[in-house]
Amino acid sequence: MFSLLAYGREGYRYIVDNSIELAQEFGNYIRKSSYFELLAEVRLNIVCFKVTAACDTAEFLQKLNKIGLVFMTPTTFNHEKGIRAAFVNWRTTIEDIKLVCSLIENMINIK
């Protein structure tokens, strides 16, 4: 209730629209990547994807989260293990998405 009073209807609209746009942007990166693959079409603010490069998804996710710049969770979709990125923080920007794309790309290339 307090956040609605603080941000108002337009503030909430911005937060939701921004989260959806950022998820679409990240989903587009995953779609174009040769190291990752979408497990499902991007809906609202959620991106579910898997690592297609030769590495263990759980290990990759653990290393990613340990860096402390991003936090993603494990998921299963159609019996495939994957990674779930949920865009919910109103402070997340397109620059953050670029940083994450670079980070996960570098993690694959380091291996």
PDB file of N, CA and C in Angstrom:
ATOM      1  N   MET A   1       0.814  -1.182   0.000  1.00  0.00           N
ATOM      2  CA  MET A   1       0.000   0.000   0.000  1.00  0.00           C
ATOM      3  C   MET A   1       0.873   1.267   0.000  1.00  0.00           C
ATOM      4  N   PHE A   2       1.922   1.253   0.832  1.00  0.00           N
ATOM      5  CA  PHE A   2       2.775   2.437   0.910  1.00  0.00           C
ATOM      6  C   PHE A   2       3.492   2.699  -0.408  1.00  0.00           C
ATOM      7  N   SER A   3       3.916   1.619  -1.074  1.00  0.00           N
ATOM      8  CA  SER A   3       4.618   1.833  -2.344  1.00  0.00           C
ATOM      9  C   SER A   3       3.666   2.396  -3.398  1.00  0.00           C
ATOM     10  N   LEU A   4       2.417   1.999  -3.364  1.00  0.00           N
ATOM     11  CA  LEU A   4       1.444   2.568  -4.291  1.00  0.00           C
ATOM     12  C   LEU A   4       1.248   4.056  -4.016  1.00  0.00           C
ATOM     13  N   LEU A   5       1.220   4.401  -2.758  1.00  0.00           N
ATOM     14  CA  LEU A   5       1.110   5.821  -2.405  1.00  0.00           C
ATOM     15  C   LEU A   5       2.364   6.591  -2.816  1.00  0.00           C
ATOM     16  N   ALA A   6       3.515   5.956  -2.656  1.00  0.00           N
ATOM     17  CA  ALA A   6       4.781   6.625  -2.975  1.00  0.00           C
ATOM     18  C   ALA A   6       4.976   6.804  -4.481  1.00  0.00           C
ATOM     19  N   TYR A   7       4.672   5.773  -5.269  1.00  0.00           N
ATOM     20  CA  TYR A   7       4.953   5.810  -6.701  1.00  0.00           C
ATOM     21  C   TYR A   7       3.734   6.136  -7.558  1.00  0.00           C
ATOM     22  N   GLY A   8       2.561   5.874  -7.048  1.00  0.00           N
ATOM     23  CA  GLY A   8       1.346   6.139  -7.802  1.00  0.00           C
ATOM     24  C   GLY A   8       1.148   5.162  -8.941  1.00  0.00           C
ATOM     25  N   ARG A   9       0.045   5.327  -9.623  1.00  0.00           N
ATOM     26  CA  ARG A   9      -0.309   4.443 -10.735  1.00  0.00           C
ATOM     27  C   ARG A   9       0.725   4.523 -11.858  1.00  0.00           C
ATOM     28  N   GLU A  10       1.156   5.727 -12.193  1.00  0.00           N
ATOM     29  CA  GLU A  10       2.142   5.889 -13.272  1.00  0.00           C
ATOM     30  C   GLU A  10       3.492   5.295 -12.893  1.00  0.00           C
ATOM     31  N   GLY A  11       3.870   5.422 -11.631  1.00  0.00           N
ATOM     32  CA  GLY A  11       5.117   4.826 -11.169  1.00  0.00           C
ATOM     33  C   GLY A  11       5.085   3.318 -11.281  1.00  0.00           C
ATOM     34  N   TYR A  12       3.979   2.726 -10.885  1.00  0.00           N
ATOM     35  CA  TYR A  12       3.821   1.272 -11.004  1.00  0.00           C
ATOM     36  C   TYR A  12       3.819   0.855 -12.465  1.00  0.00           C
ATOM     37  N   ARG A  13       3.143   1.620 -13.297  1.00  0.00           N
ATOM     38  CA  ARG A  13       3.107   1.307 -14.729  1.00  0.00           C
ATOM     39  C   ARG A  13       4.526   1.310 -15.293  1.00  0.00           C
ATOM     40  N   TYR A  14       5.317   2.308 -14.918  1.00  0.00           N
ATOM     41  CA  TYR A  14       6.702   2.378 -15.386  1.00  0.00           C
ATOM     42  C   TYR A  14       7.488   1.144 -14.928  1.00  0.00           C
ATOM     43  N   ILE A  15       7.354   0.767 -13.664  1.00  0.00           N
ATOM     44  CA  ILE A  15       8.092  -0.383 -13.130  1.00  0.00           C
ATOM     45  C   ILE A  15       7.744  -1.645 -13.910  1.00  0.00           C
ATOM     46  N   VAL A  16       6.467  -1.881 -14.141  1.00  0.00           N
ATOM     47  CA  VAL A  16       6.031  -3.080 -14.861  1.00  0.00           C
ATOM     48  C   VAL A  16       6.511  -3.025 -16.310  1.00  0.00           C
ATOM     49  N   ASP A  17       6.285  -1.915 -16.990  1.00  0.00           N
ATOM     50  CA  ASP A  17       6.702  -1.790 -18.393  1.00  0.00           C
ATOM     51  C   ASP A  17       8.212  -1.932 -18.549  1.00  0.00           C
ATOM     52  N   ASN A  18       8.970  -1.321 -17.645  1.00  0.00           N
ATOM     53  CA  ASN A  18      10.425  -1.413 -17.692  1.00  0.00           C
ATOM     54  C   ASN A  18      10.889  -2.852 -17.486  1.00  0.00           C
ATOM     55  N   SER A  19      10.300  -3.551 -16.549  1.00  0.00           N
ATOM     56  CA  SER A  19      10.668  -4.951 -16.295  1.00  0.00           C
ATOM     57  C   SER A  19      10.398  -5.819 -17.521  1.00  0.00           C
ATOM     58  N   ILE A  20       9.274  -5.590 -18.185  1.00  0.00           N
ATOM     59  CA  ILE A  20       8.931  -6.345 -19.388  1.00  0.00           C
ATOM     60  C   ILE A  20       9.918  -6.039 -20.518  1.00  0.00           C
ATOM     61  N   GLU A  21      10.235  -4.770 -20.708  1.00  0.00           N
ATOM     62  CA  GLU A  21      11.190  -4.383 -21.754  1.00  0.00           C
ATOM     63  C   GLU A  21      12.569  -4.989 -21.516  1.00  0.00           C
ATOM     64  N   LEU A  22      13.017  -4.978 -20.268  1.00  0.00           N
ATOM     65  CA  LEU A  22      14.332  -5.531 -19.956  1.00  0.00           C
ATOM     66  C   LEU A  22      14.350  -7.045 -20.162  1.00  0.00           C
ATOM     67  N   ALA A  23      13.277  -7.722 -19.800  1.00  0.00           N
ATOM     68  CA  ALA A  23      13.189  -9.167 -20.029  1.00  0.00           C
ATOM     69  C   ALA A  23      13.231  -9.461 -21.527  1.00  0.00           C
ATOM     70  N   GLN A  24      12.538  -8.657 -22.318  1.00  0.00           N
ATOM     71  CA  GLN A  24      12.565  -8.842 -23.772  1.00  0.00           C
ATOM     72  C   GLN A  24      13.982  -8.637 -24.319  1.00  0.00           C
ATOM     73  N   GLU A  25      14.659  -7.634 -23.815  1.00  0.00           N
ATOM     74  CA  GLU A  25      16.034  -7.351 -24.254  1.00  0.00           C
ATOM     75  C   GLU A  25      16.961  -8.527 -23.924  1.00  0.00           C
ATOM     76  N   PHE A  26      16.856  -9.040 -22.712  1.00  0.00           N
ATOM     77  CA  PHE A  26      17.689 -10.176 -22.316  1.00  0.00           C
ATOM     78  C   PHE A  26      17.308 -11.407 -23.138  1.00  0.00           C
ATOM     79  N   GLY A  27      16.020 -11.603 -23.344  1.00  0.00           N
ATOM     80  CA  GLY A  27      15.559 -12.721 -24.169  1.00  0.00           C
ATOM     81  C   GLY A  27      16.101 -12.644 -25.591  1.00  0.00           C
ATOM     82  N   ASN A  28      16.164 -11.444 -26.156  1.00  0.00           N
ATOM     83  CA  ASN A  28      16.732 -11.263 -27.500  1.00  0.00           C
ATOM     84  C   ASN A  28      18.202 -11.641 -27.536  1.00  0.00           C
ATOM     85  N   TYR A  29      18.936 -11.296 -26.468  1.00  0.00           N
ATOM     86  CA  TYR A  29      20.342 -11.700 -26.386  1.00  0.00           C
ATOM     87  C   TYR A  29      20.445 -13.225 -26.370  1.00  0.00           C
ATOM     88  N   ILE A  30      19.640 -13.871 -25.532  1.00  0.00           N
ATOM     89  CA  ILE A  30      19.675 -15.339 -25.420  1.00  0.00           C
ATOM     90  C   ILE A  30      19.335 -15.964 -26.776  1.00  0.00           C
ATOM     91  N   ARG A  31      18.321 -15.443 -27.446  1.00  0.00           N
ATOM     92  CA  ARG A  31      17.886 -15.945 -28.758  1.00  0.00           C
ATOM     93  C   ARG A  31      19.034 -15.929 -29.774  1.00  0.00           C
ATOM     94  N   LYS A  32      19.857 -14.900 -29.727  1.00  0.00           N
ATOM     95  CA  LYS A  32      20.945 -14.729 -30.706  1.00  0.00           C
ATOM     96  C   LYS A  32      22.232 -15.453 -30.310  1.00  0.00           C
ATOM     97  N   SER A  33      22.331 -15.856 -29.063  1.00  0.00           N
ATOM     98  CA  SER A  33      23.565 -16.441 -28.544  1.00  0.00           C
ATOM     99  C   SER A  33      23.758 -17.881 -29.024  1.00  0.00           C
ATOM    100  N   SER A  34      24.997 -18.233 -29.252  1.00  0.00           N
ATOM    101  CA  SER A  34      25.299 -19.631 -29.577  1.00  0.00           C
ATOM    102  C   SER A  34      25.631 -20.432 -28.315  1.00  0.00           C
ATOM    103  N   TYR A  35      25.658 -19.780 -27.156  1.00  0.00           N
ATOM    104  CA  TYR A  35      25.977 -20.443 -25.896  1.00  0.00           C
ATOM    105  C   TYR A  35      24.751 -20.734 -25.036  1.00  0.00           C
ATOM    106  N   PHE A  36      23.641 -20.071 -25.333  1.00  0.00           N
ATOM    107  CA  PHE A  36      22.426 -20.198 -24.525  1.00  0.00           C
ATOM    108  C   PHE A  36      21.227 -20.387 -25.442  1.00  0.00           C
ATOM    109  N   GLU A  37      20.148 -20.932 -24.857  1.00  0.00           N
ATOM    110  CA  GLU A  37      18.928 -21.164 -25.627  1.00  0.00           C
ATOM    111  C   GLU A  37      17.720 -20.915 -24.734  1.00  0.00           C
ATOM    112  N   LEU A  38      16.729 -20.239 -25.267  1.00  0.00           N
ATOM    113  CA  LEU A  38      15.496 -20.041 -24.509  1.00  0.00           C
ATOM    114  C   LEU A  38      14.793 -21.373 -24.313  1.00  0.00           C
ATOM    115  N   LEU A  39      14.292 -21.603 -23.117  1.00  0.00           N
ATOM    116  CA  LEU A  39      13.478 -22.785 -22.854  1.00  0.00           C
ATOM    117  C   LEU A  39      12.011 -22.494 -23.133  1.00  0.00           C
ATOM    118  N   ALA A  40      11.634 -21.234 -23.051  1.00  0.00           N
ATOM    119  CA  ALA A  40      10.257 -20.809 -23.291  1.00  0.00           C
ATOM    120  C   ALA A  40      10.293 -19.392 -23.837  1.00  0.00           C
ATOM    121  N   GLU A  41       9.259 -19.017 -24.535  1.00  0.00           N
ATOM    122  CA  GLU A  41       9.155 -17.639 -24.991  1.00  0.00           C
ATOM    123  C   GLU A  41       9.107 -16.710 -23.786  1.00  0.00           C
ATOM    124  N   VAL A  42       9.663 -15.543 -23.930  1.00  0.00           N
ATOM    125  CA  VAL A  42       9.681 -14.572 -22.838  1.00  0.00           C
ATOM    126  C   VAL A  42       8.258 -14.064 -22.629  1.00  0.00           C
ATOM    127  N   ARG A  43       7.791 -14.190 -21.406  1.00  0.00           N
ATOM    128  CA  ARG A  43       6.465 -13.713 -21.034  1.00  0.00           C
ATOM    129  C   ARG A  43       6.638 -12.741 -19.871  1.00  0.00           C
ATOM    130  N   LEU A  44       6.066 -11.591 -20.007  1.00  0.00           N
ATOM    131  CA  LEU A  44       6.152 -10.563 -18.981  1.00  0.00           C
ATOM    132  C   LEU A  44       7.596 -10.327 -18.583  1.00  0.00           C
ATOM    133  N   ASN A  45       7.970 -10.613 -17.318  1.00  0.00           N
ATOM    134  CA  ASN A  45       9.299 -10.253 -16.829  1.00  0.00           C
ATOM    135  C   ASN A  45      10.217 -11.447 -16.575  1.00  0.00           C
ATOM    136  N   ILE A  46       9.877 -12.623 -17.113  1.00  0.00           N
ATOM    137  CA  ILE A  46      10.627 -13.854 -16.846  1.00  0.00           C
ATOM    138  C   ILE A  46      11.316 -14.361 -18.111  1.00  0.00           C
ATOM    139  N   VAL A  47      12.603 -14.723 -17.955  1.00  0.00           N
ATOM    140  CA  VAL A  47      13.352 -15.350 -19.046  1.00  0.00           C
ATOM    141  C   VAL A  47      13.881 -16.681 -18.533  1.00  0.00           C
ATOM    142  N   CYS A  48      13.443 -17.774 -19.159  1.00  0.00           N
ATOM    143  CA  CYS A  48      13.928 -19.119 -18.816  1.00  0.00           C
ATOM    144  C   CYS A  48      14.814 -19.594 -19.954  1.00  0.00           C
ATOM    145  N   PHE A  49      16.038 -19.974 -19.612  1.00  0.00           N
ATOM    146  CA  PHE A  49      16.989 -20.379 -20.640  1.00  0.00           C
ATOM    147  C   PHE A  49      17.911 -21.460 -20.113  1.00  0.00           C
ATOM    148  N   LYS A  50      18.635 -22.077 -21.039  1.00  0.00           N
ATOM    149  CA  LYS A  50      19.613 -23.092 -20.650  1.00  0.00           C
ATOM    150  C   LYS A  50      20.952 -22.776 -21.283  1.00  0.00           C
ATOM    151  N   VAL A  51      21.964 -23.365 -20.715  1.00  0.00           N
ATOM    152  CA  VAL A  51      23.325 -23.238 -21.240  1.00  0.00           C
ATOM    153  C   VAL A  51      23.501 -24.335 -22.280  1.00  0.00           C
ATOM    154  N   THR A  52      23.865 -23.973 -23.496  1.00  0.00           N
ATOM    155  CA  THR A  52      24.088 -24.981 -24.532  1.00  0.00           C
ATOM    156  C   THR A  52      25.567 -25.294 -24.702  1.00  0.00           C
ATOM    157  N   ALA A  53      26.413 -24.442 -24.152  1.00  0.00           N
ATOM    158  CA  ALA A  53      27.853 -24.700 -24.190  1.00  0.00           C
ATOM    159  C   ALA A  53      28.151 -25.890 -23.289  1.00  0.00           C
ATOM    160  N   ALA A  54      29.309 -26.471 -23.483  1.00  0.00           N
ATOM    161  CA  ALA A  54      29.676 -27.665 -22.725  1.00  0.00           C
ATOM    162  C   ALA A  54      30.026 -27.325 -21.282  1.00  0.00           C
ATOM    163  N   CYS A  55      29.004 -27.105 -20.458  1.00  0.00           N
ATOM    164  CA  CYS A  55      29.220 -26.905 -19.030  1.00  0.00           C
ATOM    165  C   CYS A  55      27.935 -27.253 -18.287  1.00  0.00           C
ATOM    166  N   ASP A  56      28.076 -27.541 -17.028  1.00  0.00           N
ATOM    167  CA  ASP A  56      26.951 -27.927 -16.192  1.00  0.00           C
ATOM    168  C   ASP A  56      26.138 -26.693 -15.799  1.00  0.00           C
ATOM    169  N   THR A  57      24.832 -26.736 -16.028  1.00  0.00           N
ATOM    170  CA  THR A  57      23.966 -25.587 -15.753  1.00  0.00           C
ATOM    171  C   THR A  57      24.000 -25.188 -14.281  1.00  0.00           C
ATOM    172  N   ALA A  58      23.909 -26.161 -13.386  1.00  0.00           N
ATOM    173  CA  ALA A  58      23.905 -25.859 -11.948  1.00  0.00           C
ATOM    174  C   ALA A  58      25.229 -25.216 -11.525  1.00  0.00           C
ATOM    175  N   GLU A  59      26.321 -25.730 -12.029  1.00  0.00           N
ATOM    176  CA  GLU A  59      27.644 -25.173 -11.705  1.00  0.00           C
ATOM    177  C   GLU A  59      27.776 -23.755 -12.272  1.00  0.00           C
ATOM    178  N   PHE A  60      27.317 -23.575 -13.495  1.00  0.00           N
ATOM    179  CA  PHE A  60      27.351 -22.249 -14.126  1.00  0.00           C
ATOM    180  C   PHE A  60      26.557 -21.254 -13.292  1.00  0.00           C
ATOM    181  N   LEU A  61      25.351 -21.632 -12.886  1.00  0.00           N
ATOM    182  CA  LEU A  61      24.484 -20.753 -12.101  1.00  0.00           C
ATOM    183  C   LEU A  61      25.112 -20.422 -10.751  1.00  0.00           C
ATOM    184  N   GLN A  62      25.693 -21.412 -10.107  1.00  0.00           N
ATOM    185  CA  GLN A  62      26.336 -21.182  -8.813  1.00  0.00           C
ATOM    186  C   GLN A  62      27.478 -20.174  -8.945  1.00  0.00           C
ATOM    187  N   LYS A  63      28.308 -20.325  -9.964  1.00  0.00           N
ATOM    188  CA  LYS A  63      29.417 -19.392 -10.186  1.00  0.00           C
ATOM    189  C   LYS A  63      28.905 -17.998 -10.518  1.00  0.00           C
ATOM    190  N   LEU A  64      27.860 -17.926 -11.325  1.00  0.00           N
ATOM    191  CA  LEU A  64      27.271 -16.637 -11.691  1.00  0.00           C
ATOM    192  C   LEU A  64      26.771 -15.894 -10.460  1.00  0.00           C
ATOM    193  N   ASN A  65      26.010 -16.566  -9.633  1.00  0.00           N
ATOM    194  CA  ASN A  65      25.448 -15.921  -8.444  1.00  0.00           C
ATOM    195  C   ASN A  65      26.523 -15.561  -7.420  1.00  0.00           C
ATOM    196  N   LYS A  66      27.572 -16.346  -7.376  1.00  0.00           N
ATOM    197  CA  LYS A  66      28.655 -16.089  -6.419  1.00  0.00           C
ATOM    198  C   LYS A  66      29.376 -14.768  -6.716  1.00  0.00           C
ATOM    199  N   ILE A  67      29.376 -14.347  -7.980  1.00  0.00           N
ATOM    200  CA  ILE A  67      30.013 -13.083  -8.353  1.00  0.00           C
ATOM    201  C   ILE A  67      29.351 -11.916  -7.628  1.00  0.00           C
ATOM    202  N   GLY A  68      28.043 -12.006  -7.413  1.00  0.00           N
ATOM    203  CA  GLY A  68      27.334 -11.001  -6.631  1.00  0.00           C
ATOM    204  C   GLY A  68      26.766  -9.825  -7.412  1.00  0.00           C
ATOM    205  N   LEU A  69      26.863  -9.854  -8.729  1.00  0.00           N
ATOM    206  CA  LEU A  69      26.311  -8.764  -9.536  1.00  0.00           C
ATOM    207  C   LEU A  69      24.892  -9.051 -10.017  1.00  0.00           C
ATOM    208  N   VAL A  70      24.513 -10.301  -9.979  1.00  0.00           N
ATOM    209  CA  VAL A  70      23.213 -10.741 -10.476  1.00  0.00           C
ATOM    210  C   VAL A  70      22.792 -11.957  -9.663  1.00  0.00           C
ATOM    211  N   PHE A  71      21.495 -12.189  -9.583  1.00  0.00           N
ATOM    212  CA  PHE A  71      21.013 -13.404  -8.919  1.00  0.00           C
ATOM    213  C   PHE A  71      19.932 -14.018  -9.782  1.00  0.00           C
ATOM    214  N   MET A  72      20.182 -15.232 -10.244  1.00  0.00           N
ATOM    215  CA  MET A  72      19.208 -15.993 -11.017  1.00  0.00           C
ATOM    216  C   MET A  72      18.961 -17.301 -10.290  1.00  0.00           C
ATOM    217  N   THR A  73      17.870 -17.967 -10.628  1.00  0.00           N
ATOM    218  CA  THR A  73      17.494 -19.187  -9.919  1.00  0.00           C
ATOM    219  C   THR A  73      17.422 -20.371 -10.882  1.00  0.00           C
ATOM    220  N   PRO A  74      17.563 -21.580 -10.332  1.00  0.00           N
ATOM    221  CA  PRO A  74      17.412 -22.761 -11.189  1.00  0.00           C
ATOM    222  C   PRO A  74      15.934 -22.980 -11.514  1.00  0.00           C
ATOM    223  N   THR A  75      15.686 -23.613 -12.638  1.00  0.00           N
ATOM    224  CA  THR A  75      14.324 -23.947 -13.026  1.00  0.00           C
ATOM    225  C   THR A  75      14.340 -25.225 -13.845  1.00  0.00           C
ATOM    226  N   THR A  76      13.185 -25.785 -14.018  1.00  0.00           N
ATOM    227  CA  THR A  76      13.002 -26.923 -14.919  1.00  0.00           C
ATOM    228  C   THR A  76      11.816 -26.602 -15.804  1.00  0.00           C
ATOM    229  N   PHE A  77      11.983 -26.790 -17.100  1.00  0.00           N
ATOM    230  CA  PHE A  77      10.908 -26.528 -18.043  1.00  0.00           C
ATOM    231  C   PHE A  77      10.886 -27.673 -19.049  1.00  0.00           C
ATOM    232  N   ASN A  78       9.752 -28.336 -19.170  1.00  0.00           N
ATOM    233  CA  ASN A  78       9.630 -29.508 -20.057  1.00  0.00           C
ATOM    234  C   ASN A  78      10.753 -30.519 -19.804  1.00  0.00           C
ATOM    235  N   HIS A  79      11.017 -30.770 -18.552  1.00  0.00           N
ATOM    236  CA  HIS A  79      12.014 -31.759 -18.107  1.00  0.00           C
ATOM    237  C   HIS A  79      13.459 -31.368 -18.434  1.00  0.00           C
ATOM    238  N   GLU A  80      13.691 -30.119 -18.753  1.00  0.00           N
ATOM    239  CA  GLU A  80      15.054 -29.639 -19.001  1.00  0.00           C
ATOM    240  C   GLU A  80      15.465 -28.690 -17.893  1.00  0.00           C
ATOM    241  N   LYS A  81      16.687 -28.885 -17.389  1.00  0.00           N
ATOM    242  CA  LYS A  81      17.214 -27.975 -16.374  1.00  0.00           C
ATOM    243  C   LYS A  81      17.605 -26.667 -17.039  1.00  0.00           C
ATOM    244  N   GLY A  82      17.324 -25.582 -16.330  1.00  0.00           N
ATOM    245  CA  GLY A  82      17.640 -24.285 -16.892  1.00  0.00           C
ATOM    246  C   GLY A  82      17.835 -23.229 -15.827  1.00  0.00           C
ATOM    247  N   ILE A  83      17.835 -22.002 -16.277  1.00  0.00           N
ATOM    248  CA  ILE A  83      18.066 -20.836 -15.425  1.00  0.00           C
ATOM    249  C   ILE A  83      16.892 -19.880 -15.624  1.00  0.00           C
ATOM    250  N   ARG A  84      16.449 -19.293 -14.529  1.00  0.00           N
ATOM    251  CA  ARG A  84      15.322 -18.364 -14.562  1.00  0.00           C
ATOM    252  C   ARG A  84      15.803 -16.983 -14.142  1.00  0.00           C
ATOM    253  N   ALA A  85      15.626 -16.025 -15.022  1.00  0.00           N
ATOM    254  CA  ALA A  85      15.944 -14.628 -14.725  1.00  0.00           C
ATOM    255  C   ALA A  85      14.618 -13.879 -14.619  1.00  0.00           C
ATOM    256  N   ALA A  86      14.372 -13.276 -13.459  1.00  0.00           N
ATOM    257  CA  ALA A  86      13.145 -12.511 -13.238  1.00  0.00           C
ATOM    258  C   ALA A  86      13.515 -11.049 -13.029  1.00  0.00           C
ATOM    259  N   PHE A  87      12.942 -10.197 -13.816  1.00  0.00           N
ATOM    260  CA  PHE A  87      13.238  -8.765 -13.741  1.00  0.00           C
ATOM    261  C   PHE A  87      12.171  -8.086 -12.892  1.00  0.00           C
ATOM    262  N   VAL A  88      12.567  -7.688 -11.676  1.00  0.00           N
ATOM    263  CA  VAL A  88      11.594  -7.124 -10.732  1.00  0.00           C
ATOM    264  C   VAL A  88      12.080  -5.855 -10.035  1.00  0.00           C
ATOM    265  N   ASN A  89      13.351  -5.567 -10.126  1.00  0.00           N
ATOM    266  CA  ASN A  89      13.885  -4.414  -9.409  1.00  0.00           C
ATOM    267  C   ASN A  89      13.718  -3.153 -10.243  1.00  0.00           C
ATOM    268  N   TRP A  90      13.088  -2.158  -9.691  1.00  0.00           N
ATOM    269  CA  TRP A  90      12.815  -0.917 -10.424  1.00  0.00           C
ATOM    270  C   TRP A  90      14.084  -0.156 -10.795  1.00  0.00           C
ATOM    271  N   ARG A  91      15.206  -0.498 -10.153  1.00  0.00           N
ATOM    272  CA  ARG A  91      16.468   0.184 -10.451  1.00  0.00           C
ATOM    273  C   ARG A  91      17.250  -0.464 -11.590  1.00  0.00           C
ATOM    274  N   THR A  92      16.805  -1.618 -12.079  1.00  0.00           N
ATOM    275  CA  THR A  92      17.502  -2.304 -13.158  1.00  0.00           C
ATOM    276  C   THR A  92      17.358  -1.492 -14.444  1.00  0.00           C
ATOM    277  N   THR A  93      18.474  -1.368 -15.171  1.00  0.00           N
ATOM    278  CA  THR A  93      18.494  -0.571 -16.406  1.00  0.00           C
ATOM    279  C   THR A  93      18.994  -1.412 -17.570  1.00  0.00           C
ATOM    280  N   ILE A  94      18.929  -0.849 -18.746  1.00  0.00           N
ATOM    281  CA  ILE A  94      19.463  -1.497 -19.940  1.00  0.00           C
ATOM    282  C   ILE A  94      20.967  -1.716 -19.800  1.00  0.00           C
ATOM    283  N   GLU A  95      21.648  -0.834 -19.109  1.00  0.00           N
ATOM    284  CA  GLU A  95      23.091  -1.004 -18.869  1.00  0.00           C
ATOM    285  C   GLU A  95      23.355  -2.253 -18.033  1.00  0.00           C
ATOM    286  N   ASP A  96      22.465  -2.550 -17.096  1.00  0.00           N
ATOM    287  CA  ASP A  96      22.588  -3.771 -16.295  1.00  0.00           C
ATOM    288  C   ASP A  96      22.434  -5.013 -17.176  1.00  0.00           C
ATOM    289  N   ILE A  97      21.518  -4.947 -18.128  1.00  0.00           N
ATOM    290  CA  ILE A  97      21.315  -6.077 -19.040  1.00  0.00           C
ATOM    291  C   ILE A  97      22.568  -6.294 -19.876  1.00  0.00           C
ATOM    292  N   LYS A  98      23.146  -5.228 -20.376  1.00  0.00           N
ATOM    293  CA  LYS A  98      24.393  -5.337 -21.149  1.00  0.00           C
ATOM    294  C   LYS A  98      25.505  -5.941 -20.302  1.00  0.00           C
ATOM    295  N   LEU A  99      25.578  -5.522 -19.034  1.00  0.00           N
ATOM    296  CA  LEU A  99      26.585  -6.059 -18.117  1.00  0.00           C
ATOM    297  C   LEU A  99      26.392  -7.559 -17.919  1.00  0.00           C
ATOM    298  N   VAL A 100      25.154  -7.986 -17.703  1.00  0.00           N
ATOM    299  CA  VAL A 100      24.866  -9.411 -17.487  1.00  0.00           C
ATOM    300  C   VAL A 100      25.192 -10.216 -18.745  1.00  0.00           C
ATOM    301  N   CYS A 101      24.821  -9.706 -19.906  1.00  0.00           N
ATOM    302  CA  CYS A 101      25.128 -10.415 -21.156  1.00  0.00           C
ATOM    303  C   CYS A 101      26.636 -10.595 -21.312  1.00  0.00           C
ATOM    304  N   SER A 102      27.378  -9.552 -21.047  1.00  0.00           N
ATOM    305  CA  SER A 102      28.835  -9.624 -21.128  1.00  0.00           C
ATOM    306  C   SER A 102      29.385 -10.603 -20.085  1.00  0.00           C
ATOM    307  N   LEU A 103      28.849 -10.528 -18.889  1.00  0.00           N
ATOM    308  CA  LEU A 103      29.305 -11.398 -17.803  1.00  0.00           C
ATOM    309  C   LEU A 103      29.100 -12.870 -18.134  1.00  0.00           C
ATOM    310  N   ILE A 104      27.915 -13.252 -18.567  1.00  0.00           N
ATOM    311  CA  ILE A 104      27.661 -14.668 -18.830  1.00  0.00           C
ATOM    312  C   ILE A 104      28.420 -15.149 -20.063  1.00  0.00           C
ATOM    313  N   GLU A 105      28.595 -14.260 -21.015  1.00  0.00           N
ATOM    314  CA  GLU A 105      29.388 -14.611 -22.205  1.00  0.00           C
ATOM    315  C   GLU A 105      30.837 -14.873 -21.791  1.00  0.00           C
ATOM    316  N   ASN A 106      31.390 -14.014 -20.959  1.00  0.00           N
ATOM    317  CA  ASN A 106      32.761 -14.192 -20.486  1.00  0.00           C
ATOM    318  C   ASN A 106      32.916 -15.441 -19.645  1.00  0.00           C
ATOM    319  N   MET A 107      31.903 -15.787 -18.871  1.00  0.00           N
ATOM    320  CA  MET A 107      31.975 -16.999 -18.049  1.00  0.00           C
ATOM    321  C   MET A 107      32.081 -18.235 -18.926  1.00  0.00           C
ATOM    322  N   ILE A 108      31.382 -18.242 -20.042  1.00  0.00           N
ATOM    323  CA  ILE A 108      31.458 -19.376 -20.982  1.00  0.00           C
ATOM    324  C   ILE A 108      32.826 -19.415 -21.637  1.00  0.00           C
ATOM    325  N   ASN A 109      33.318 -18.248 -22.058  1.00  0.00           N
ATOM    326  CA  ASN A 109      34.602 -18.183 -22.765  1.00  0.00           C
ATOM    327  C   ASN A 109      35.803 -18.491 -21.879  1.00  0.00           C
ATOM    328  N   ILE A 110      35.644 -18.287 -20.579  1.00  0.00           N
ATOM    329  CA  ILE A 110      36.738 -18.574 -19.640  1.00  0.00           C
ATOM    330  C   ILE A 110      36.907 -20.067 -19.458  1.00  0.00           C
ATOM    331  N   LYS A 111      35.834 -20.787 -19.530  1.00  0.00           N
ATOM    332  CA  LYS A 111      35.839 -22.229 -19.277  1.00  0.00           C
ATOM    333  C   LYS A 111      36.766 -23.020 -20.127  1.00  0.00           C
TER     334      LYS A 111
END
